[in-house]
């Protein structure tokens, strides 16, 4: 069981970390350019920025490359079992998909009148992961690493990890709310 948990967290780090990079290095011009949707509400809001999105994807790719280096150094073969081009596409898909899922969550929250930073259970905890996995599942070799056990474990572990990491970010002053 502990091996499955460790493997799941390891394989999902490129999806877990982009939002952290977006928070730390974000700011600036909103992705929606301040525009409203047809319902008169902001499309995404000020919390989703171009710089944050680029930093998030870049950070996810950086984390994945560090993982690849560690795997080669210690002799573990997860990401390192893939061709480099497949690994790169998978890491990009997980990172990009994670941030798209987060943006989609913001879009849905705006439609429901939920303010920036306010909690929206399930969507906040799993939306980014579902998008990341859906996008990554299109990459050849995905099924080699992301077995049904890993995906199920990820869906169970992610809300717990989400809560813990958000509390830490809040305590460090990186987030305004602990969720």
N, C-alpha and C. Protein backbone atom coordinates (compact mmCIF):
# COMPACT_ATOMS: atom_id res chain seq x y z
N UNK A 1 0.83 -1.20 0.00
CA UNK A 1 0.00 0.00 0.00
C UNK A 1 0.87 1.26 0.00
N UNK A 2 1.92 1.28 0.83
CA UNK A 2 2.80 2.45 0.88
C UNK A 2 3.53 2.65 -0.44
N UNK A 3 3.86 1.55 -1.10
CA UNK A 3 4.53 1.66 -2.40
C UNK A 3 3.58 2.29 -3.42
N UNK A 4 2.32 1.89 -3.40
CA UNK A 4 1.33 2.47 -4.31
C UNK A 4 1.15 3.96 -4.03
N UNK A 5 1.09 4.34 -2.77
CA UNK A 5 0.94 5.76 -2.41
C UNK A 5 2.13 6.56 -2.91
N UNK A 6 3.35 6.06 -2.64
CA UNK A 6 4.56 6.76 -3.07
C UNK A 6 4.62 6.85 -4.59
N UNK A 7 4.31 5.76 -5.27
CA UNK A 7 4.33 5.75 -6.74
C UNK A 7 3.31 6.73 -7.30
N UNK A 8 2.13 6.76 -6.72
CA UNK A 8 1.07 7.66 -7.18
C UNK A 8 1.48 9.12 -7.02
N UNK A 9 1.97 9.47 -5.86
CA UNK A 9 2.40 10.85 -5.63
C UNK A 9 3.52 11.21 -6.60
N UNK A 10 4.48 10.31 -6.77
CA UNK A 10 5.60 10.55 -7.68
C UNK A 10 5.10 10.81 -9.10
N UNK A 11 4.21 9.95 -9.57
CA UNK A 11 3.73 10.08 -10.94
C UNK A 11 2.82 11.29 -11.15
N UNK A 12 2.24 11.79 -10.07
CA UNK A 12 1.35 12.95 -10.20
C UNK A 12 2.01 14.28 -9.87
N UNK A 13 3.27 14.27 -9.45
CA UNK A 13 3.95 15.53 -9.14
C UNK A 13 3.91 16.54 -10.29
N UNK A 14 4.08 16.13 -11.55
CA UNK A 14 3.98 17.12 -12.63
C UNK A 14 2.58 17.74 -12.77
N UNK A 15 1.58 17.10 -12.19
CA UNK A 15 0.22 17.68 -12.17
C UNK A 15 -0.03 18.44 -10.88
N UNK A 16 0.60 18.00 -9.80
CA UNK A 16 0.40 18.64 -8.50
C UNK A 16 1.11 19.98 -8.37
N UNK A 17 2.28 20.12 -8.95
CA UNK A 17 3.12 21.29 -8.68
C UNK A 17 2.84 22.55 -9.52
N UNK A 18 2.27 22.46 -10.72
CA UNK A 18 2.12 23.69 -11.51
C UNK A 18 1.35 24.82 -10.83
N UNK A 19 0.31 24.50 -10.09
CA UNK A 19 -0.46 25.56 -9.45
C UNK A 19 0.37 26.26 -8.38
N UNK A 20 1.27 25.54 -7.73
CA UNK A 20 2.15 26.17 -6.74
C UNK A 20 3.08 27.18 -7.41
N UNK A 21 3.65 26.79 -8.55
CA UNK A 21 4.50 27.71 -9.30
C UNK A 21 3.70 28.92 -9.77
N UNK A 22 2.46 28.68 -10.20
CA UNK A 22 1.60 29.77 -10.67
C UNK A 22 1.32 30.77 -9.55
N UNK A 23 1.11 30.25 -8.33
CA UNK A 23 0.85 31.13 -7.18
C UNK A 23 2.09 31.96 -6.85
N UNK A 24 3.24 31.31 -6.81
CA UNK A 24 4.47 31.99 -6.41
C UNK A 24 4.95 32.99 -7.47
N UNK A 25 4.88 32.60 -8.73
CA UNK A 25 5.46 33.43 -9.80
C UNK A 25 4.41 34.14 -10.66
N UNK A 26 3.15 34.01 -10.30
CA UNK A 26 2.07 34.61 -11.09
C UNK A 26 1.92 36.10 -10.87
N UNK A 27 0.81 36.60 -11.31
CA UNK A 27 0.54 38.03 -11.23
C UNK A 27 0.56 38.62 -12.63
N UNK A 28 0.20 39.85 -12.71
CA UNK A 28 0.22 40.52 -14.01
C UNK A 28 -1.10 40.41 -14.74
N UNK A 29 -1.03 40.29 -16.03
CA UNK A 29 -2.20 40.31 -16.91
C UNK A 29 -3.04 39.05 -16.74
N UNK A 30 -4.34 39.23 -16.45
CA UNK A 30 -5.22 38.06 -16.35
C UNK A 30 -5.38 37.37 -17.71
N UNK A 31 -5.53 36.06 -17.68
CA UNK A 31 -5.74 35.30 -18.91
C UNK A 31 -6.97 35.80 -19.66
N UNK A 32 -8.01 36.15 -18.91
CA UNK A 32 -9.24 36.61 -19.56
C UNK A 32 -9.20 38.08 -19.95
N UNK A 33 -8.05 38.73 -19.73
CA UNK A 33 -7.84 40.14 -20.08
C UNK A 33 -8.89 41.06 -19.46
N UNK A 34 -9.46 40.63 -18.34
CA UNK A 34 -10.45 41.44 -17.64
C UNK A 34 -11.84 41.40 -18.26
N UNK A 35 -12.04 40.51 -19.21
CA UNK A 35 -13.32 40.45 -19.93
C UNK A 35 -14.37 39.65 -19.16
N UNK A 36 -15.62 39.96 -19.45
CA UNK A 36 -16.75 39.24 -18.86
C UNK A 36 -17.31 38.24 -19.86
N UNK A 37 -17.93 37.21 -19.33
CA UNK A 37 -18.61 36.20 -20.14
C UNK A 37 -19.99 36.74 -20.51
N UNK A 38 -20.76 36.00 -21.28
CA UNK A 38 -22.08 36.46 -21.71
C UNK A 38 -23.03 36.67 -20.53
N UNK A 39 -22.74 36.06 -19.39
CA UNK A 39 -23.58 36.24 -18.20
C UNK A 39 -23.23 37.51 -17.42
N UNK A 40 -22.25 38.28 -17.93
CA UNK A 40 -21.85 39.52 -17.28
C UNK A 40 -20.82 39.34 -16.18
N UNK A 41 -20.45 38.11 -15.86
CA UNK A 41 -19.44 37.83 -14.83
C UNK A 41 -18.09 37.60 -15.50
N UNK A 42 -17.02 37.86 -14.75
CA UNK A 42 -15.68 37.64 -15.28
C UNK A 42 -15.55 36.21 -15.79
N UNK A 43 -14.78 36.04 -16.83
CA UNK A 43 -14.59 34.71 -17.41
C UNK A 43 -13.83 33.83 -16.41
N UNK A 44 -12.67 34.31 -15.94
CA UNK A 44 -11.87 33.56 -14.98
C UNK A 44 -11.57 34.37 -13.72
N UNK A 45 -11.29 35.62 -13.89
CA UNK A 45 -10.94 36.48 -12.75
C UNK A 45 -9.47 36.82 -12.74
N UNK A 46 -9.09 37.69 -11.80
CA UNK A 46 -7.72 38.18 -11.72
C UNK A 46 -6.72 37.14 -11.22
N UNK A 47 -7.21 36.07 -10.63
CA UNK A 47 -6.31 35.06 -10.07
C UNK A 47 -5.66 34.15 -11.09
N UNK A 48 -6.13 34.17 -12.31
CA UNK A 48 -5.57 33.34 -13.37
C UNK A 48 -4.86 34.26 -14.35
N UNK A 49 -3.52 34.26 -14.28
CA UNK A 49 -2.74 35.19 -15.09
C UNK A 49 -1.90 34.46 -16.12
N UNK A 50 -1.54 35.20 -17.14
CA UNK A 50 -0.69 34.65 -18.20
C UNK A 50 0.66 34.23 -17.61
N UNK A 51 1.26 35.11 -16.83
CA UNK A 51 2.56 34.79 -16.23
C UNK A 51 2.45 33.58 -15.31
N UNK A 52 1.38 33.49 -14.54
CA UNK A 52 1.18 32.35 -13.66
C UNK A 52 1.01 31.06 -14.44
N UNK A 53 0.27 31.11 -15.53
CA UNK A 53 0.06 29.92 -16.35
C UNK A 53 1.38 29.44 -16.95
N UNK A 54 2.15 30.36 -17.51
CA UNK A 54 3.44 30.00 -18.11
C UNK A 54 4.39 29.48 -17.02
N UNK A 55 4.42 30.16 -15.89
CA UNK A 55 5.28 29.72 -14.78
C UNK A 55 4.85 28.35 -14.27
N UNK A 56 3.55 28.12 -14.23
CA UNK A 56 3.04 26.84 -13.75
C UNK A 56 3.44 25.70 -14.66
N UNK A 57 3.25 25.87 -15.96
CA UNK A 57 3.64 24.82 -16.90
C UNK A 57 5.15 24.61 -16.85
N UNK A 58 5.90 25.69 -16.83
CA UNK A 58 7.36 25.60 -16.75
C UNK A 58 7.81 24.91 -15.47
N UNK A 59 7.16 25.25 -14.37
CA UNK A 59 7.49 24.62 -13.09
C UNK A 59 7.19 23.14 -13.09
N UNK A 60 6.06 22.75 -13.67
CA UNK A 60 5.72 21.34 -13.77
C UNK A 60 6.74 20.58 -14.60
N UNK A 61 7.19 21.19 -15.68
CA UNK A 61 8.23 20.56 -16.52
C UNK A 61 9.56 20.47 -15.77
N UNK A 62 9.88 21.51 -15.01
CA UNK A 62 11.10 21.48 -14.21
C UNK A 62 11.06 20.35 -13.19
N UNK A 63 9.95 20.23 -12.49
CA UNK A 63 9.80 19.16 -11.50
C UNK A 63 9.94 17.80 -12.17
N UNK A 64 9.30 17.62 -13.31
CA UNK A 64 9.38 16.34 -14.02
C UNK A 64 10.82 16.02 -14.43
N UNK A 65 11.57 17.02 -14.85
CA UNK A 65 12.97 16.79 -15.22
C UNK A 65 13.82 16.46 -14.00
N UNK A 66 13.54 17.08 -12.89
CA UNK A 66 14.25 16.73 -11.65
C UNK A 66 13.93 15.28 -11.28
N UNK A 67 12.67 14.89 -11.44
CA UNK A 67 12.28 13.51 -11.17
C UNK A 67 13.04 12.55 -12.09
N UNK A 68 13.12 12.90 -13.35
CA UNK A 68 13.83 12.06 -14.32
C UNK A 68 15.28 11.89 -13.90
N UNK A 69 15.91 12.98 -13.50
CA UNK A 69 17.30 12.93 -13.03
C UNK A 69 17.43 12.03 -11.80
N UNK A 70 16.53 12.19 -10.85
CA UNK A 70 16.57 11.37 -9.63
C UNK A 70 16.39 9.90 -9.98
N UNK A 71 15.45 9.59 -10.85
CA UNK A 71 15.22 8.20 -11.25
C UNK A 71 16.48 7.59 -11.87
N UNK A 72 17.13 8.33 -12.73
CA UNK A 72 18.34 7.81 -13.37
C UNK A 72 19.46 7.66 -12.35
N UNK A 73 19.51 8.56 -11.39
CA UNK A 73 20.57 8.53 -10.37
C UNK A 73 20.39 7.34 -9.42
N UNK A 74 19.14 7.05 -9.02
CA UNK A 74 18.89 5.96 -8.06
C UNK A 74 18.50 4.64 -8.73
N UNK A 75 18.32 4.66 -10.04
CA UNK A 75 18.02 3.42 -10.75
C UNK A 75 16.56 3.00 -10.75
N UNK A 76 15.65 3.94 -10.49
CA UNK A 76 14.22 3.65 -10.55
C UNK A 76 13.76 3.91 -11.98
N UNK A 77 12.83 3.10 -12.47
CA UNK A 77 12.36 3.29 -13.83
C UNK A 77 10.86 3.49 -13.88
N UNK A 78 10.45 4.72 -13.77
CA UNK A 78 9.06 5.10 -14.01
C UNK A 78 9.08 6.02 -15.22
N UNK A 79 9.28 7.32 -14.98
CA UNK A 79 9.39 8.24 -16.12
C UNK A 79 10.58 7.87 -17.00
N UNK A 80 11.65 7.41 -16.39
CA UNK A 80 12.85 7.08 -17.15
C UNK A 80 12.68 5.83 -18.02
N UNK A 81 11.58 5.11 -17.86
CA UNK A 81 11.31 3.96 -18.72
C UNK A 81 10.74 4.37 -20.07
N UNK A 82 10.39 5.65 -20.19
CA UNK A 82 9.80 6.17 -21.43
C UNK A 82 10.87 6.77 -22.33
N UNK A 83 10.60 6.79 -23.63
CA UNK A 83 11.44 7.56 -24.54
C UNK A 83 11.37 9.02 -24.10
N UNK A 84 12.45 9.78 -24.30
CA UNK A 84 12.46 11.16 -23.81
C UNK A 84 11.33 11.98 -24.41
N UNK A 85 11.05 11.83 -25.70
CA UNK A 85 9.98 12.61 -26.33
C UNK A 85 8.62 12.28 -25.71
N UNK A 86 8.41 11.02 -25.38
CA UNK A 86 7.16 10.61 -24.73
C UNK A 86 7.10 11.18 -23.31
N UNK A 87 8.20 11.08 -22.60
CA UNK A 87 8.28 11.66 -21.25
C UNK A 87 7.95 13.16 -21.30
N UNK A 88 8.56 13.87 -22.22
CA UNK A 88 8.36 15.31 -22.32
C UNK A 88 6.90 15.65 -22.62
N UNK A 89 6.30 14.93 -23.55
CA UNK A 89 4.90 15.16 -23.89
C UNK A 89 3.99 14.82 -22.71
N UNK A 90 4.30 13.76 -21.99
CA UNK A 90 3.52 13.38 -20.83
C UNK A 90 3.63 14.44 -19.73
N UNK A 91 4.85 14.88 -19.45
CA UNK A 91 5.06 15.91 -18.41
C UNK A 91 4.35 17.20 -18.79
N UNK A 92 4.46 17.60 -20.05
CA UNK A 92 3.77 18.81 -20.51
C UNK A 92 2.26 18.64 -20.36
N UNK A 93 1.74 17.50 -20.78
CA UNK A 93 0.29 17.26 -20.73
C UNK A 93 -0.23 17.30 -19.30
N UNK A 94 0.52 16.72 -18.37
CA UNK A 94 0.11 16.75 -16.97
C UNK A 94 0.13 18.17 -16.42
N UNK A 95 1.18 18.92 -16.72
CA UNK A 95 1.31 20.30 -16.22
C UNK A 95 0.28 21.22 -16.85
N UNK A 96 0.20 21.19 -18.17
CA UNK A 96 -0.75 22.03 -18.90
C UNK A 96 -2.18 21.66 -18.53
N UNK A 97 -2.47 20.36 -18.49
CA UNK A 97 -3.81 19.90 -18.14
C UNK A 97 -4.22 20.31 -16.75
N UNK A 98 -3.27 20.27 -15.83
CA UNK A 98 -3.53 20.68 -14.45
C UNK A 98 -3.99 22.14 -14.38
N UNK A 99 -3.28 23.00 -15.09
CA UNK A 99 -3.63 24.42 -15.07
C UNK A 99 -4.91 24.71 -15.86
N UNK A 100 -5.15 23.94 -16.91
CA UNK A 100 -6.43 24.09 -17.63
C UNK A 100 -7.58 23.67 -16.74
N UNK A 101 -7.39 22.60 -15.99
CA UNK A 101 -8.43 22.15 -15.06
C UNK A 101 -8.68 23.18 -13.97
N UNK A 102 -7.62 23.80 -13.50
CA UNK A 102 -7.75 24.84 -12.48
C UNK A 102 -8.50 26.05 -13.06
N UNK A 103 -8.16 26.42 -14.29
CA UNK A 103 -8.86 27.55 -14.95
C UNK A 103 -10.33 27.20 -15.19
N UNK A 104 -10.59 25.96 -15.60
CA UNK A 104 -11.97 25.53 -15.79
C UNK A 104 -12.74 25.63 -14.47
N UNK A 105 -12.08 25.24 -13.38
CA UNK A 105 -12.70 25.36 -12.07
C UNK A 105 -13.06 26.81 -11.75
N UNK A 106 -12.16 27.73 -12.09
CA UNK A 106 -12.44 29.16 -11.87
C UNK A 106 -13.61 29.62 -12.73
N UNK A 107 -13.65 29.14 -13.96
CA UNK A 107 -14.76 29.49 -14.85
C UNK A 107 -16.09 29.04 -14.24
N UNK A 108 -16.14 27.80 -13.76
CA UNK A 108 -17.37 27.27 -13.14
C UNK A 108 -17.71 28.05 -11.87
N UNK A 109 -16.71 28.34 -11.05
CA UNK A 109 -16.95 29.09 -9.82
C UNK A 109 -17.53 30.47 -10.11
N UNK A 110 -17.02 31.14 -11.15
CA UNK A 110 -17.56 32.45 -11.52
C UNK A 110 -19.02 32.33 -11.94
N UNK A 111 -19.36 31.27 -12.67
CA UNK A 111 -20.75 31.08 -13.10
C UNK A 111 -21.68 30.91 -11.91
N UNK A 112 -21.19 30.28 -10.84
CA UNK A 112 -22.00 30.06 -9.64
C UNK A 112 -21.90 31.22 -8.66
N UNK A 113 -21.17 32.27 -9.03
CA UNK A 113 -21.04 33.43 -8.16
C UNK A 113 -20.09 33.22 -6.99
N UNK A 114 -19.24 32.22 -7.07
CA UNK A 114 -18.27 31.95 -6.01
C UNK A 114 -17.08 32.89 -6.23
N UNK A 115 -16.75 33.64 -5.22
CA UNK A 115 -15.67 34.62 -5.33
C UNK A 115 -14.30 33.96 -5.37
N UNK A 116 -13.32 34.69 -5.89
CA UNK A 116 -11.94 34.22 -5.95
C UNK A 116 -11.48 33.83 -4.54
N UNK A 117 -10.87 32.66 -4.45
CA UNK A 117 -10.35 32.18 -3.18
C UNK A 117 -11.35 31.42 -2.34
N UNK A 118 -12.63 31.54 -2.66
CA UNK A 118 -13.65 30.81 -1.89
C UNK A 118 -13.62 29.34 -2.26
N UNK A 119 -13.94 28.51 -1.31
CA UNK A 119 -13.91 27.07 -1.51
C UNK A 119 -15.08 26.57 -2.35
N UNK A 120 -14.79 25.61 -3.20
CA UNK A 120 -15.81 24.91 -3.99
C UNK A 120 -15.41 23.44 -3.94
N UNK A 121 -15.90 22.73 -2.91
CA UNK A 121 -15.47 21.34 -2.69
C UNK A 121 -15.60 20.46 -3.93
N UNK A 122 -14.74 19.54 -4.03
CA UNK A 122 -14.58 18.55 -5.10
C UNK A 122 -13.96 19.21 -6.34
N UNK A 123 -14.56 20.27 -6.85
CA UNK A 123 -13.99 20.94 -8.02
C UNK A 123 -12.59 21.46 -7.70
N UNK A 124 -12.41 22.08 -6.54
CA UNK A 124 -11.10 22.60 -6.14
C UNK A 124 -10.09 21.48 -5.96
N UNK A 125 -10.50 20.37 -5.42
CA UNK A 125 -9.58 19.30 -5.08
C UNK A 125 -9.28 18.36 -6.24
N UNK A 126 -10.24 18.17 -7.15
CA UNK A 126 -10.04 17.15 -8.18
C UNK A 126 -10.13 17.65 -9.62
N UNK A 127 -10.65 18.85 -9.83
CA UNK A 127 -10.81 19.34 -11.20
C UNK A 127 -9.50 19.38 -11.96
N UNK A 128 -8.45 19.89 -11.34
CA UNK A 128 -7.16 20.00 -12.00
C UNK A 128 -6.61 18.61 -12.35
N UNK A 129 -6.80 17.66 -11.44
CA UNK A 129 -6.28 16.31 -11.65
C UNK A 129 -7.01 15.60 -12.78
N UNK A 130 -8.32 15.73 -12.82
CA UNK A 130 -9.10 15.09 -13.88
C UNK A 130 -8.67 15.63 -15.24
N UNK A 131 -8.51 16.95 -15.36
CA UNK A 131 -8.07 17.53 -16.63
C UNK A 131 -6.67 17.04 -16.99
N UNK A 132 -5.77 17.02 -16.01
CA UNK A 132 -4.40 16.57 -16.25
C UNK A 132 -4.38 15.13 -16.75
N UNK A 133 -5.13 14.27 -16.09
CA UNK A 133 -5.15 12.86 -16.49
C UNK A 133 -5.82 12.66 -17.84
N UNK A 134 -6.89 13.40 -18.09
CA UNK A 134 -7.56 13.28 -19.40
C UNK A 134 -6.63 13.70 -20.54
N UNK A 135 -5.94 14.81 -20.37
CA UNK A 135 -5.03 15.26 -21.41
C UNK A 135 -3.85 14.30 -21.55
N UNK A 136 -3.29 13.88 -20.44
CA UNK A 136 -2.13 12.97 -20.47
C UNK A 136 -2.51 11.60 -21.02
N UNK A 137 -3.75 11.20 -20.86
CA UNK A 137 -4.16 9.88 -21.33
C UNK A 137 -4.09 9.76 -22.85
N UNK A 138 -3.97 10.88 -23.52
CA UNK A 138 -3.84 10.89 -24.98
C UNK A 138 -2.41 10.59 -25.43
N UNK A 139 -1.47 10.58 -24.48
CA UNK A 139 -0.06 10.35 -24.79
C UNK A 139 0.20 8.84 -24.82
N UNK A 140 0.83 8.40 -25.88
CA UNK A 140 1.17 6.98 -25.98
C UNK A 140 2.10 6.61 -24.82
N UNK A 141 1.80 5.52 -24.15
CA UNK A 141 2.59 5.09 -23.01
C UNK A 141 1.99 5.48 -21.67
N UNK A 142 0.95 6.31 -21.70
CA UNK A 142 0.29 6.74 -20.46
C UNK A 142 -0.12 5.53 -19.62
N UNK A 143 -0.76 4.57 -20.27
CA UNK A 143 -1.31 3.42 -19.55
C UNK A 143 -0.23 2.55 -18.94
N UNK A 144 0.99 2.68 -19.41
CA UNK A 144 2.12 1.92 -18.86
C UNK A 144 2.40 2.34 -17.41
N UNK A 145 2.28 3.63 -17.15
CA UNK A 145 2.56 4.16 -15.81
C UNK A 145 1.30 4.40 -14.99
N UNK A 146 0.27 4.90 -15.63
CA UNK A 146 -0.95 5.32 -14.93
C UNK A 146 -2.00 4.21 -15.00
N UNK A 147 -1.75 3.20 -14.18
CA UNK A 147 -2.67 2.07 -14.10
C UNK A 147 -3.95 2.50 -13.39
N UNK A 148 -4.95 1.66 -13.44
CA UNK A 148 -6.20 1.98 -12.74
C UNK A 148 -5.96 2.15 -11.25
N UNK A 149 -5.03 1.37 -10.69
CA UNK A 149 -4.72 1.50 -9.26
C UNK A 149 -4.13 2.87 -8.94
N UNK A 150 -3.22 3.34 -9.80
CA UNK A 150 -2.60 4.66 -9.60
C UNK A 150 -3.65 5.75 -9.73
N UNK A 151 -4.52 5.65 -10.71
CA UNK A 151 -5.55 6.67 -10.91
C UNK A 151 -6.51 6.71 -9.74
N UNK A 152 -6.97 5.55 -9.29
CA UNK A 152 -7.88 5.50 -8.14
C UNK A 152 -7.19 6.04 -6.89
N UNK A 153 -5.96 5.62 -6.67
CA UNK A 153 -5.21 6.13 -5.51
C UNK A 153 -5.06 7.65 -5.59
N UNK A 154 -4.80 8.15 -6.80
CA UNK A 154 -4.68 9.60 -6.99
C UNK A 154 -5.96 10.34 -6.67
N UNK A 155 -7.09 9.77 -7.06
CA UNK A 155 -8.38 10.40 -6.78
C UNK A 155 -8.70 10.39 -5.29
N UNK A 156 -8.19 9.42 -4.57
CA UNK A 156 -8.40 9.35 -3.12
C UNK A 156 -7.41 10.23 -2.37
N UNK A 157 -6.14 10.18 -2.77
CA UNK A 157 -5.08 10.93 -2.07
C UNK A 157 -5.13 12.43 -2.32
N UNK A 158 -5.50 12.82 -3.52
CA UNK A 158 -5.40 14.23 -3.92
C UNK A 158 -6.17 15.18 -3.01
N UNK A 159 -7.42 14.90 -2.64
CA UNK A 159 -8.09 15.85 -1.74
C UNK A 159 -7.36 16.03 -0.40
N UNK A 160 -6.77 14.95 0.12
CA UNK A 160 -6.00 15.06 1.37
C UNK A 160 -4.74 15.89 1.17
N UNK A 161 -4.01 15.60 0.11
CA UNK A 161 -2.80 16.36 -0.18
C UNK A 161 -3.12 17.82 -0.49
N UNK A 162 -4.21 18.05 -1.18
CA UNK A 162 -4.64 19.40 -1.52
C UNK A 162 -4.87 20.22 -0.25
N UNK A 163 -5.54 19.63 0.70
CA UNK A 163 -5.81 20.30 1.97
C UNK A 163 -4.52 20.62 2.71
N UNK A 164 -3.63 19.65 2.81
CA UNK A 164 -2.37 19.84 3.53
C UNK A 164 -1.51 20.91 2.86
N UNK A 165 -1.34 20.82 1.54
CA UNK A 165 -0.48 21.80 0.86
C UNK A 165 -1.07 23.21 0.90
N UNK A 166 -2.38 23.32 0.84
CA UNK A 166 -3.00 24.65 0.92
C UNK A 166 -2.85 25.25 2.32
N UNK A 167 -2.94 24.44 3.33
CA UNK A 167 -2.73 24.94 4.70
C UNK A 167 -1.29 25.42 4.85
N UNK A 168 -0.34 24.67 4.31
CA UNK A 168 1.07 25.08 4.37
C UNK A 168 1.27 26.39 3.61
N UNK A 169 0.71 26.50 2.40
CA UNK A 169 0.84 27.74 1.62
C UNK A 169 0.22 28.92 2.35
N UNK A 170 -0.89 28.70 3.02
CA UNK A 170 -1.55 29.75 3.81
C UNK A 170 -0.66 30.19 4.97
N UNK A 171 -0.10 29.21 5.68
CA UNK A 171 0.77 29.53 6.83
C UNK A 171 2.03 30.27 6.39
N UNK A 172 2.50 29.98 5.16
CA UNK A 172 3.67 30.67 4.64
C UNK A 172 3.34 32.04 4.03
N UNK A 173 2.05 32.38 4.02
CA UNK A 173 1.63 33.66 3.48
C UNK A 173 1.53 33.70 1.98
N UNK A 174 1.52 32.52 1.33
CA UNK A 174 1.44 32.45 -0.13
C UNK A 174 -0.01 32.44 -0.62
N UNK A 175 -0.93 32.10 0.27
CA UNK A 175 -2.35 32.08 -0.08
C UNK A 175 -3.12 32.87 0.98
N UNK A 176 -4.21 33.46 0.54
CA UNK A 176 -5.03 34.27 1.46
C UNK A 176 -5.98 33.44 2.29
N UNK A 177 -6.26 32.22 1.81
CA UNK A 177 -7.19 31.32 2.53
C UNK A 177 -6.56 29.92 2.60
N UNK A 178 -6.90 29.15 3.64
CA UNK A 178 -6.26 27.83 3.81
C UNK A 178 -6.95 26.69 3.04
N UNK A 179 -7.63 26.98 1.94
CA UNK A 179 -8.22 25.90 1.15
C UNK A 179 -7.92 26.05 -0.31
